[in-house]
Amino acid sequence: MIEFRGAGPAEFTERLETVIGIYADAMNPPADQITGRKAIMRNHASYPYFQCYFAELRDSPSAPGGRGEPVVAGFAYGFRGAPGQWWHDVVFRALAERSGREVAHAWLGHAFELAEIHVHPDHQGKGIGRAMIRTLCAGRPERSAVLSTHDRPTAARHLYASLGFTDLLSGFVFPGGYEEYAVAGRPLPLS
């Protein structure tokens, strides 16, 4: 059985090796990107109103090798976006150029940024990602939730669309990158 347990910045940082392992297994990034991603995640934990949830399951003490300890099957975290944060500033500028400053402010002026949502491949397709997003967004005071994801027909894109996220930008390439992303948002609360 999966349990969702909240973790603050200190515990998140302490468990960064576990987090980066799940990220690597789920996303299969080039090995040379892991160190940078780890630094980004550590920095995210210092952002205002940082919130993380771990999806944990307990192995059975009676199973071979089982100790009854929690196994992390996934994690999700986010924080309040604010000027001065790289992703926030880049997306705000792009959205303002495309749709106007009023639209950019409406979506990003008081937004909860879902920075990372990852489920280990052994546990994907079981509703864990959906439940983590719902748990992470529950009771948030911000007026919107925003995220970026690869702009391809992936399971993640389908999940976000099924939760009511709509594209704010598509085919978007972040500075210094080459892959196309979609930036999506939806009003809060999640229904």
N, C-alpha and C. Protein backbone atom coordinates (compact mmCIF):
# COMPACT_ATOMS: atom_id res chain seq x y z
N MET A 1 0.84 -1.18 0.00
CA MET A 1 0.00 0.00 0.00
C MET A 1 0.89 1.25 0.00
N ILE A 2 0.51 2.22 -0.83
CA ILE A 2 1.28 3.46 -0.95
C ILE A 2 0.78 4.47 0.08
N GLU A 3 1.72 5.12 0.73
CA GLU A 3 1.40 6.23 1.64
C GLU A 3 2.15 7.46 1.15
N PHE A 4 1.51 8.61 1.28
CA PHE A 4 2.15 9.86 0.89
C PHE A 4 2.56 10.60 2.15
N ARG A 5 3.85 10.88 2.24
CA ARG A 5 4.37 11.52 3.43
C ARG A 5 5.07 12.81 3.05
N GLY A 6 4.64 13.88 3.71
CA GLY A 6 5.24 15.18 3.46
C GLY A 6 6.64 15.28 4.03
N ALA A 7 7.47 16.07 3.36
CA ALA A 7 8.83 16.30 3.82
C ALA A 7 9.18 17.75 3.57
N GLY A 8 9.85 18.35 4.52
CA GLY A 8 10.30 19.73 4.37
C GLY A 8 11.65 19.78 3.69
N PRO A 9 12.20 20.98 3.55
CA PRO A 9 13.47 21.16 2.86
C PRO A 9 14.62 20.34 3.45
N ALA A 10 14.71 20.25 4.78
CA ALA A 10 15.83 19.53 5.41
C ALA A 10 15.79 18.04 5.06
N GLU A 11 14.64 17.41 5.22
CA GLU A 11 14.55 15.98 4.90
C GLU A 11 14.73 15.74 3.42
N PHE A 12 14.16 16.61 2.58
CA PHE A 12 14.32 16.47 1.14
C PHE A 12 15.82 16.48 0.79
N THR A 13 16.56 17.42 1.35
CA THR A 13 17.99 17.53 1.06
C THR A 13 18.73 16.30 1.58
N GLU A 14 18.35 15.80 2.76
CA GLU A 14 18.98 14.60 3.31
C GLU A 14 18.75 13.39 2.41
N ARG A 15 17.61 13.35 1.73
CA ARG A 15 17.25 12.19 0.90
C ARG A 15 17.51 12.45 -0.58
N LEU A 16 18.37 13.40 -0.87
CA LEU A 16 18.62 13.78 -2.26
C LEU A 16 19.18 12.63 -3.10
N GLU A 17 19.97 11.75 -2.52
CA GLU A 17 20.49 10.60 -3.29
C GLU A 17 19.36 9.69 -3.74
N THR A 18 18.40 9.44 -2.85
CA THR A 18 17.23 8.64 -3.22
C THR A 18 16.42 9.34 -4.30
N VAL A 19 16.20 10.64 -4.12
CA VAL A 19 15.44 11.44 -5.07
C VAL A 19 16.09 11.41 -6.44
N ILE A 20 17.41 11.65 -6.50
CA ILE A 20 18.09 11.70 -7.79
C ILE A 20 18.12 10.32 -8.44
N GLY A 21 18.14 9.27 -7.63
CA GLY A 21 18.07 7.91 -8.18
C GLY A 21 16.74 7.65 -8.87
N ILE A 22 15.65 8.06 -8.25
CA ILE A 22 14.32 7.89 -8.86
C ILE A 22 14.23 8.75 -10.12
N TYR A 23 14.71 9.99 -10.04
CA TYR A 23 14.71 10.87 -11.21
C TYR A 23 15.47 10.22 -12.37
N ALA A 24 16.65 9.69 -12.10
CA ALA A 24 17.47 9.08 -13.15
C ALA A 24 16.79 7.85 -13.74
N ASP A 25 16.20 7.01 -12.89
CA ASP A 25 15.51 5.82 -13.40
C ASP A 25 14.28 6.18 -14.22
N ALA A 26 13.57 7.22 -13.81
CA ALA A 26 12.34 7.61 -14.51
C ALA A 26 12.62 8.38 -15.80
N MET A 27 13.64 9.23 -15.79
CA MET A 27 13.89 10.13 -16.92
C MET A 27 15.03 9.69 -17.84
N ASN A 28 15.92 8.85 -17.34
CA ASN A 28 17.06 8.37 -18.11
C ASN A 28 17.85 9.52 -18.77
N PRO A 29 18.24 10.52 -17.97
CA PRO A 29 18.99 11.65 -18.55
C PRO A 29 20.43 11.25 -18.85
N PRO A 30 21.12 12.03 -19.68
CA PRO A 30 22.56 11.78 -19.86
C PRO A 30 23.27 11.88 -18.51
N ALA A 31 24.24 11.02 -18.30
CA ALA A 31 24.94 10.96 -17.01
C ALA A 31 25.56 12.30 -16.63
N ASP A 32 25.99 13.07 -17.61
CA ASP A 32 26.65 14.34 -17.29
C ASP A 32 25.68 15.41 -16.80
N GLN A 33 24.38 15.13 -16.82
CA GLN A 33 23.40 16.10 -16.33
C GLN A 33 23.02 15.87 -14.86
N ILE A 34 23.39 14.74 -14.30
CA ILE A 34 22.95 14.38 -12.94
C ILE A 34 23.48 15.36 -11.89
N THR A 35 24.75 15.72 -11.95
CA THR A 35 25.32 16.63 -10.95
C THR A 35 24.60 17.98 -10.98
N GLY A 36 24.36 18.50 -12.17
CA GLY A 36 23.65 19.77 -12.30
C GLY A 36 22.22 19.68 -11.79
N ARG A 37 21.53 18.59 -12.11
CA ARG A 37 20.15 18.40 -11.67
C ARG A 37 20.10 18.32 -10.15
N LYS A 38 21.07 17.67 -9.55
CA LYS A 38 21.13 17.55 -8.09
C LYS A 38 21.29 18.94 -7.46
N ALA A 39 22.15 19.76 -8.03
CA ALA A 39 22.35 21.12 -7.52
C ALA A 39 21.07 21.95 -7.66
N ILE A 40 20.37 21.79 -8.78
CA ILE A 40 19.10 22.51 -8.99
C ILE A 40 18.08 22.09 -7.94
N MET A 41 17.96 20.78 -7.71
CA MET A 41 16.99 20.29 -6.72
C MET A 41 17.33 20.79 -5.32
N ARG A 42 18.61 20.78 -4.97
CA ARG A 42 19.03 21.27 -3.65
C ARG A 42 18.64 22.75 -3.51
N ASN A 43 18.86 23.52 -4.56
CA ASN A 43 18.51 24.94 -4.56
C ASN A 43 17.00 25.13 -4.44
N HIS A 44 16.22 24.30 -5.14
CA HIS A 44 14.76 24.41 -5.07
C HIS A 44 14.26 24.30 -3.64
N ALA A 45 14.92 23.48 -2.84
CA ALA A 45 14.48 23.29 -1.44
C ALA A 45 14.57 24.57 -0.63
N SER A 46 15.30 25.56 -1.12
CA SER A 46 15.43 26.83 -0.40
C SER A 46 14.37 27.86 -0.83
N TYR A 47 13.54 27.51 -1.81
CA TYR A 47 12.55 28.45 -2.32
C TYR A 47 11.37 28.58 -1.35
N PRO A 48 10.65 29.72 -1.45
CA PRO A 48 9.53 29.96 -0.52
C PRO A 48 8.42 28.91 -0.66
N TYR A 49 7.92 28.50 0.47
CA TYR A 49 6.78 27.58 0.54
C TYR A 49 7.06 26.25 -0.16
N PHE A 50 8.32 25.81 -0.10
CA PHE A 50 8.70 24.51 -0.66
C PHE A 50 7.89 23.42 0.02
N GLN A 51 7.38 22.48 -0.78
CA GLN A 51 6.62 21.36 -0.24
C GLN A 51 6.93 20.13 -1.06
N CYS A 52 7.19 19.02 -0.37
CA CYS A 52 7.53 17.77 -1.03
C CYS A 52 6.69 16.64 -0.44
N TYR A 53 6.37 15.67 -1.28
CA TYR A 53 5.74 14.44 -0.83
C TYR A 53 6.50 13.26 -1.40
N PHE A 54 6.71 12.26 -0.54
CA PHE A 54 7.27 11.00 -0.96
C PHE A 54 6.14 9.98 -1.03
N ALA A 55 6.12 9.20 -2.09
CA ALA A 55 5.20 8.07 -2.19
C ALA A 55 5.98 6.86 -1.67
N GLU A 56 5.55 6.32 -0.55
CA GLU A 56 6.28 5.23 0.08
C GLU A 56 5.41 3.99 0.18
N LEU A 57 6.05 2.85 0.02
CA LEU A 57 5.37 1.59 0.29
C LEU A 57 6.26 0.81 1.23
N ARG A 58 5.66 0.01 2.04
CA ARG A 58 6.43 -0.78 3.01
C ARG A 58 6.60 -2.18 2.45
N ASP A 59 7.85 -2.64 2.49
CA ASP A 59 8.07 -4.02 2.09
C ASP A 59 7.64 -4.91 3.25
N SER A 60 7.23 -6.08 2.94
CA SER A 60 6.73 -7.00 3.97
C SER A 60 7.89 -7.64 4.72
N PRO A 61 7.84 -7.59 6.06
CA PRO A 61 8.92 -8.23 6.83
C PRO A 61 8.98 -9.73 6.58
N SER A 62 7.88 -10.33 6.12
CA SER A 62 7.86 -11.77 5.90
C SER A 62 8.35 -12.14 4.49
N ALA A 63 8.50 -11.14 3.61
CA ALA A 63 8.99 -11.41 2.26
C ALA A 63 10.50 -11.63 2.31
N PRO A 64 11.03 -12.40 1.35
CA PRO A 64 12.49 -12.60 1.32
C PRO A 64 13.21 -11.26 1.26
N GLY A 65 14.08 -11.01 2.20
CA GLY A 65 14.82 -9.75 2.25
C GLY A 65 14.03 -8.58 2.79
N GLY A 66 12.74 -8.79 3.09
CA GLY A 66 11.90 -7.71 3.58
C GLY A 66 12.23 -7.34 5.02
N ARG A 67 12.19 -6.04 5.28
CA ARG A 67 12.50 -5.56 6.63
C ARG A 67 11.38 -4.69 7.19
N GLY A 68 10.31 -4.51 6.43
CA GLY A 68 9.21 -3.68 6.90
C GLY A 68 9.51 -2.20 6.83
N GLU A 69 10.56 -1.83 6.08
CA GLU A 69 10.95 -0.43 5.96
C GLU A 69 10.31 0.19 4.72
N PRO A 70 10.09 1.50 4.76
CA PRO A 70 9.48 2.13 3.60
C PRO A 70 10.43 2.17 2.40
N VAL A 71 9.87 1.93 1.23
CA VAL A 71 10.58 2.03 -0.03
C VAL A 71 9.97 3.22 -0.77
N VAL A 72 10.81 4.14 -1.21
CA VAL A 72 10.30 5.32 -1.91
C VAL A 72 10.03 4.94 -3.36
N ALA A 73 8.75 5.04 -3.75
CA ALA A 73 8.33 4.70 -5.11
C ALA A 73 8.28 5.94 -6.00
N GLY A 74 8.22 7.12 -5.40
CA GLY A 74 8.16 8.35 -6.18
C GLY A 74 8.23 9.56 -5.28
N PHE A 75 8.36 10.71 -5.92
CA PHE A 75 8.38 11.97 -5.17
C PHE A 75 7.83 13.07 -6.05
N ALA A 76 7.33 14.09 -5.41
CA ALA A 76 6.86 15.28 -6.12
C ALA A 76 7.11 16.47 -5.22
N TYR A 77 7.52 17.58 -5.83
CA TYR A 77 7.69 18.78 -5.02
C TYR A 77 7.42 20.02 -5.84
N GLY A 78 7.16 21.08 -5.11
CA GLY A 78 6.93 22.37 -5.74
C GLY A 78 7.12 23.47 -4.72
N PHE A 79 6.89 24.70 -5.17
CA PHE A 79 7.11 25.87 -4.34
C PHE A 79 6.39 27.04 -4.99
N ARG A 80 6.32 28.13 -4.28
CA ARG A 80 5.72 29.33 -4.83
C ARG A 80 6.72 29.99 -5.78
N GLY A 81 6.28 30.20 -7.00
CA GLY A 81 7.13 30.88 -7.97
C GLY A 81 7.24 32.36 -7.64
N ALA A 82 8.41 32.93 -7.92
CA ALA A 82 8.63 34.34 -7.61
C ALA A 82 9.69 34.91 -8.54
N PRO A 83 9.62 36.22 -8.79
CA PRO A 83 10.67 36.85 -9.58
C PRO A 83 12.03 36.57 -8.97
N GLY A 84 13.02 36.37 -9.83
CA GLY A 84 14.36 36.03 -9.37
C GLY A 84 14.65 34.54 -9.45
N GLN A 85 13.62 33.72 -9.65
CA GLN A 85 13.82 32.29 -9.86
C GLN A 85 13.94 32.06 -11.37
N TRP A 86 14.93 31.29 -11.77
CA TRP A 86 15.24 31.14 -13.19
C TRP A 86 14.03 30.71 -14.02
N TRP A 87 13.40 29.58 -13.66
CA TRP A 87 12.28 29.06 -14.45
C TRP A 87 11.17 30.09 -14.51
N HIS A 88 10.83 30.66 -13.38
CA HIS A 88 9.76 31.65 -13.30
C HIS A 88 10.04 32.82 -14.24
N ASP A 89 11.25 33.36 -14.19
CA ASP A 89 11.57 34.53 -15.01
C ASP A 89 11.57 34.20 -16.50
N VAL A 90 12.14 33.06 -16.87
CA VAL A 90 12.20 32.67 -18.29
C VAL A 90 10.79 32.46 -18.84
N VAL A 91 9.96 31.74 -18.10
CA VAL A 91 8.60 31.46 -18.56
C VAL A 91 7.75 32.73 -18.56
N PHE A 92 7.90 33.56 -17.54
CA PHE A 92 7.13 34.81 -17.50
C PHE A 92 7.44 35.66 -18.74
N ARG A 93 8.73 35.82 -19.06
CA ARG A 93 9.10 36.62 -20.24
C ARG A 93 8.51 36.04 -21.51
N ALA A 94 8.64 34.72 -21.68
CA ALA A 94 8.14 34.08 -22.91
C ALA A 94 6.63 34.20 -23.01
N LEU A 95 5.93 34.00 -21.91
CA LEU A 95 4.47 34.10 -21.93
C LEU A 95 4.03 35.54 -22.15
N ALA A 96 4.74 36.49 -21.56
CA ALA A 96 4.41 37.91 -21.77
C ALA A 96 4.61 38.30 -23.23
N GLU A 97 5.69 37.81 -23.84
CA GLU A 97 5.94 38.12 -25.25
C GLU A 97 4.87 37.51 -26.14
N ARG A 98 4.40 36.34 -25.80
CA ARG A 98 3.42 35.65 -26.64
C ARG A 98 1.99 36.12 -26.40
N SER A 99 1.63 36.31 -25.13
CA SER A 99 0.23 36.57 -24.80
C SER A 99 -0.02 37.87 -24.05
N GLY A 100 1.03 38.60 -23.70
CA GLY A 100 0.89 39.86 -22.98
C GLY A 100 1.20 39.71 -21.50
N ARG A 101 1.61 40.82 -20.89
CA ARG A 101 1.99 40.81 -19.48
C ARG A 101 0.83 40.47 -18.56
N GLU A 102 -0.39 40.89 -18.91
CA GLU A 102 -1.54 40.58 -18.06
C GLU A 102 -1.77 39.08 -17.97
N VAL A 103 -1.65 38.39 -19.11
CA VAL A 103 -1.83 36.93 -19.11
C VAL A 103 -0.70 36.28 -18.31
N ALA A 104 0.53 36.73 -18.54
CA ALA A 104 1.66 36.15 -17.80
C ALA A 104 1.48 36.36 -16.29
N HIS A 105 1.05 37.55 -15.91
CA HIS A 105 0.85 37.81 -14.48
C HIS A 105 -0.33 36.98 -13.93
N ALA A 106 -1.38 36.83 -14.72
CA ALA A 106 -2.53 36.04 -14.25
C ALA A 106 -2.12 34.59 -13.95
N TRP A 107 -1.23 34.03 -14.78
CA TRP A 107 -0.82 32.64 -14.56
C TRP A 107 0.32 32.51 -13.57
N LEU A 108 1.27 33.44 -13.61
CA LEU A 108 2.50 33.27 -12.82
C LEU A 108 2.63 34.24 -11.65
N GLY A 109 1.70 35.19 -11.53
CA GLY A 109 1.80 36.19 -10.47
C GLY A 109 1.62 35.65 -9.07
N HIS A 110 0.91 34.54 -8.92
CA HIS A 110 0.71 33.90 -7.61
C HIS A 110 0.52 32.42 -7.89
N ALA A 111 1.62 31.78 -8.35
CA ALA A 111 1.54 30.40 -8.83
C ALA A 111 2.33 29.43 -7.97
N PHE A 112 1.82 28.22 -7.91
CA PHE A 112 2.54 27.10 -7.31
C PHE A 112 3.21 26.37 -8.47
N GLU A 113 4.54 26.31 -8.43
CA GLU A 113 5.28 25.67 -9.51
C GLU A 113 5.56 24.22 -9.13
N LEU A 114 4.98 23.31 -9.90
CA LEU A 114 5.24 21.89 -9.71
C LEU A 114 6.55 21.60 -10.42
N ALA A 115 7.63 21.53 -9.66
CA ALA A 115 8.96 21.45 -10.24
C ALA A 115 9.33 20.05 -10.70
N GLU A 116 9.06 19.06 -9.88
CA GLU A 116 9.43 17.67 -10.21
C GLU A 116 8.34 16.73 -9.74
N ILE A 117 7.98 15.80 -10.61
CA ILE A 117 7.00 14.75 -10.29
C ILE A 117 7.53 13.49 -10.97
N HIS A 118 7.99 12.53 -10.17
CA HIS A 118 8.60 11.34 -10.76
C HIS A 118 8.21 10.09 -9.97
N VAL A 119 7.90 9.04 -10.71
CA VAL A 119 7.59 7.75 -10.13
C VAL A 119 8.58 6.74 -10.71
N HIS A 120 9.15 5.93 -9.85
CA HIS A 120 10.08 4.90 -10.31
C HIS A 120 9.38 4.02 -11.35
N PRO A 121 10.07 3.63 -12.41
CA PRO A 121 9.43 2.81 -13.47
C PRO A 121 8.74 1.55 -12.96
N ASP A 122 9.24 0.95 -11.88
CA ASP A 122 8.59 -0.25 -11.34
C ASP A 122 7.20 0.02 -10.79
N HIS A 123 6.87 1.29 -10.56
CA HIS A 123 5.60 1.64 -9.93
C HIS A 123 4.73 2.56 -10.79
N GLN A 124 5.14 2.80 -12.03
CA GLN A 124 4.37 3.68 -12.90
C GLN A 124 3.09 2.99 -13.38
N GLY A 125 2.12 3.80 -13.77
CA GLY A 125 0.87 3.28 -14.30
C GLY A 125 -0.10 2.79 -13.24
N LYS A 126 0.13 3.17 -11.99
CA LYS A 126 -0.71 2.71 -10.88
C LYS A 126 -1.43 3.87 -10.17
N GLY A 127 -1.39 5.06 -10.78
CA GLY A 127 -2.08 6.20 -10.20
C GLY A 127 -1.27 6.97 -9.17
N ILE A 128 -0.02 6.62 -8.98
CA ILE A 128 0.80 7.27 -7.96
C ILE A 128 1.08 8.73 -8.34
N GLY A 129 1.44 8.97 -9.59
CA GLY A 129 1.72 10.33 -10.03
C GLY A 129 0.51 11.24 -9.85
N ARG A 130 -0.65 10.77 -10.28
CA ARG A 130 -1.90 11.53 -10.12
C ARG A 130 -2.16 11.84 -8.65
N ALA A 131 -2.02 10.83 -7.80
CA ALA A 131 -2.28 11.02 -6.37
C ALA A 131 -1.26 11.98 -5.74
N MET A 132 -0.01 11.93 -6.19
CA MET A 132 0.99 12.86 -5.65
C MET A 132 0.66 14.29 -6.04
N ILE A 133 0.24 14.50 -7.28
CA ILE A 133 -0.11 15.86 -7.71
C ILE A 133 -1.29 16.37 -6.90
N ARG A 134 -2.31 15.55 -6.74
CA ARG A 134 -3.48 15.97 -5.96
C ARG A 134 -3.09 16.28 -4.51
N THR A 135 -2.25 15.44 -3.93
CA THR A 135 -1.82 15.65 -2.55
C THR A 135 -0.98 16.92 -2.45
N LEU A 136 -0.07 17.11 -3.38
CA LEU A 136 0.81 18.28 -3.37
C LEU A 136 0.03 19.58 -3.53
N CYS A 137 -1.01 19.56 -4.35
CA CYS A 137 -1.78 20.79 -4.62
C CYS A 137 -2.91 21.04 -3.63
N ALA A 138 -3.25 20.06 -2.82
CA ALA A 138 -4.37 20.20 -1.89
C ALA A 138 -4.12 21.34 -0.90
N GLY A 139 -5.08 22.24 -0.81
CA GLY A 139 -5.02 23.31 0.17
C GLY A 139 -4.04 24.43 -0.15
N ARG A 140 -3.46 24.42 -1.33
CA ARG A 140 -2.50 25.47 -1.67
C ARG A 140 -3.24 26.80 -1.81
N PRO A 141 -2.63 27.90 -1.33
CA PRO A 141 -3.29 29.20 -1.40
C PRO A 141 -3.10 29.92 -2.75
N GLU A 142 -2.16 29.44 -3.58
CA GLU A 142 -1.91 30.11 -4.85
C GLU A 142 -3.12 29.98 -5.78
N ARG A 143 -3.19 30.87 -6.77
CA ARG A 143 -4.36 30.83 -7.66
C ARG A 143 -4.18 29.89 -8.84
N SER A 144 -2.93 29.46 -9.11
CA SER A 144 -2.71 28.55 -10.23
C SER A 144 -1.57 27.59 -9.91
N ALA A 145 -1.55 26.49 -10.66
CA ALA A 145 -0.43 25.54 -10.64
C ALA A 145 0.14 25.53 -12.04
N VAL A 146 1.46 25.57 -12.14
CA VAL A 146 2.12 25.58 -13.44
C VAL A 146 3.27 24.57 -13.44
N LEU A 147 3.62 24.09 -14.63
CA LEU A 147 4.69 23.11 -14.77
C LEU A 147 5.19 23.12 -16.20
N SER A 148 6.31 22.46 -16.42
CA SER A 148 6.79 22.24 -17.78
C SER A 148 7.07 20.76 -17.94
N THR A 149 6.88 20.28 -19.17
CA THR A 149 7.08 18.87 -19.48
C THR A 149 7.48 18.75 -20.93
N HIS A 150 8.09 17.64 -21.30
CA HIS A 150 8.47 17.45 -22.70
C HIS A 150 7.24 17.60 -23.59
N ASP A 151 7.41 18.29 -24.68
CA ASP A 151 6.29 18.53 -25.60
C ASP A 151 6.20 17.37 -26.60
N ARG A 152 5.82 16.24 -26.04
CA ARG A 152 5.61 15.01 -26.82
C ARG A 152 4.40 14.30 -26.22
N PRO A 153 3.82 13.38 -26.95
CA PRO A 153 2.65 12.66 -26.40
C PRO A 153 3.08 11.57 -25.41
N THR A 154 3.50 12.00 -24.24
CA THR A 154 3.98 11.09 -23.19
C THR A 154 2.87 10.80 -22.19
N ALA A 155 3.12 9.83 -21.34
CA ALA A 155 2.17 9.52 -20.25
C ALA A 155 2.02 10.73 -19.33
N ALA A 156 3.12 11.45 -19.10
CA ALA A 156 3.05 12.63 -18.23
C ALA A 156 2.14 13.70 -18.85
N ARG A 157 2.30 13.95 -20.15
CA ARG A 157 1.45 14.94 -20.82
C ARG A 157 -0.02 14.55 -20.71
N HIS A 158 -0.30 13.28 -20.89
CA HIS A 158 -1.68 12.79 -20.79
C HIS A 158 -2.20 12.98 -19.36
N LEU A 159 -1.37 12.67 -18.37
CA LEU A 159 -1.76 12.83 -16.98
C LEU A 159 -2.10 14.29 -16.68
N TYR A 160 -1.24 15.21 -17.07
CA TYR A 160 -1.48 16.62 -16.79
C TYR A 160 -2.75 17.11 -17.46
N ALA A 161 -2.95 16.71 -18.71
CA ALA A 161 -4.18 17.12 -19.42
C ALA A 161 -5.41 16.56 -18.72
N SER A 162 -5.34 15.33 -18.23
CA SER A 162 -6.49 14.73 -17.56
C SER A 162 -6.81 15.42 -16.24
N LEU A 163 -5.83 16.13 -15.68
CA LEU A 163 -6.04 16.89 -14.45
C LEU A 163 -6.44 18.34 -14.73
N GLY A 164 -6.62 18.68 -16.01
CA GLY A 164 -7.09 20.01 -16.37
C GLY A 164 -6.01 21.01 -16.70
N PHE A 165 -4.75 20.57 -16.81
CA PHE A 165 -3.69 21.49 -17.22
C PHE A 165 -3.81 21.75 -18.72
N THR A 166 -3.70 23.01 -19.11
CA THR A 166 -3.75 23.39 -20.51
C THR A 166 -2.43 24.06 -20.89
N ASP A 167 -2.08 23.96 -22.15
CA ASP A 167 -0.82 24.54 -22.61
C ASP A 167 -0.88 26.06 -22.58
N LEU A 168 0.14 26.64 -21.97
CA LEU A 168 0.35 28.08 -22.01
C LEU A 168 1.38 28.41 -23.07
N LEU A 169 2.36 27.53 -23.23
CA LEU A 169 3.38 27.62 -24.27
C LEU A 169 3.62 26.20 -24.77
N SER A 170 3.86 26.05 -26.05
CA SER A 170 4.23 24.74 -26.59
C SER A 170 5.41 24.93 -27.53
N GLY A 171 6.16 23.85 -27.76
CA GLY A 171 7.35 23.94 -28.59
C GLY A 171 8.38 24.90 -28.02
N PHE A 172 8.39 25.07 -26.71
CA PHE A 172 9.25 26.05 -26.07
C PHE A 172 10.61 25.43 -25.74
N VAL A 173 11.67 26.11 -26.13
CA VAL A 173 13.03 25.66 -25.83
C VAL A 173 13.62 26.61 -24.80
N PHE A 174 13.98 26.07 -23.65
CA PHE A 174 14.58 26.89 -22.60
C PHE A 174 15.97 27.36 -23.03
N PRO A 175 16.39 28.53 -22.57
CA PRO A 175 17.72 29.04 -22.93
C PRO A 175 18.81 28.01 -22.61
N GLY A 176 19.68 27.79 -23.58
CA GLY A 176 20.77 26.83 -23.41
C GLY A 176 20.36 25.40 -23.69
N GLY A 177 19.06 25.17 -23.95
CA GLY A 177 18.58 23.81 -24.20
C GLY A 177 18.35 23.55 -25.67
N TYR A 178 17.84 22.39 -25.95
CA TYR A 178 17.53 22.02 -27.33
C TYR A 178 16.21 21.25 -27.44
N GLU A 179 15.73 20.70 -26.33
CA GLU A 179 14.48 19.94 -26.36
C GLU A 179 13.29 20.88 -26.26
N GLU A 180 12.19 20.49 -26.92
CA GLU A 180 10.97 21.30 -26.85
C GLU A 180 10.14 20.89 -25.65
N TYR A 181 9.63 21.92 -24.96
CA TYR A 181 8.80 21.71 -23.78
C TYR A 181 7.45 22.38 -23.97
N ALA A 182 6.49 21.88 -23.23
CA ALA A 182 5.21 22.56 -23.08
C ALA A 182 5.17 23.10 -21.66
N VAL A 183 4.71 24.33 -21.51
CA VAL A 183 4.46 24.91 -20.21
C VAL A 183 2.95 24.89 -20.05
N ALA A 184 2.48 24.27 -18.99
CA ALA A 184 1.05 24.10 -18.79
C ALA A 184 0.63 24.67 -17.44
N GLY A 185 -0.63 25.06 -17.34
CA GLY A 185 -1.15 25.58 -16.10
C GLY A 185 -2.62 25.25 -15.92
N ARG A 186 -3.07 25.38 -14.71
CA ARG A 186 -4.49 25.23 -14.40
C ARG A 186 -4.78 26.00 -13.13
N PRO A 187 -6.01 26.52 -13.04
CA PRO A 187 -6.38 27.22 -11.80
C PRO A 187 -6.40 26.26 -10.61
N LEU A 188 -6.13 26.79 -9.45
CA LEU A 188 -6.29 26.03 -8.21
C LEU A 188 -7.58 26.50 -7.54
N PRO A 189 -8.23 25.67 -6.76
CA PRO A 189 -7.82 24.33 -6.38
C PRO A 189 -8.09 23.31 -7.48
N LEU A 190 -7.43 22.17 -7.37
CA LEU A 190 -7.74 21.04 -8.26
C LEU A 190 -9.12 20.55 -7.87
N SER A 191 -9.90 20.19 -8.84
CA SER A 191 -11.25 19.69 -8.51
C SER A 191 -11.28 18.18 -8.47
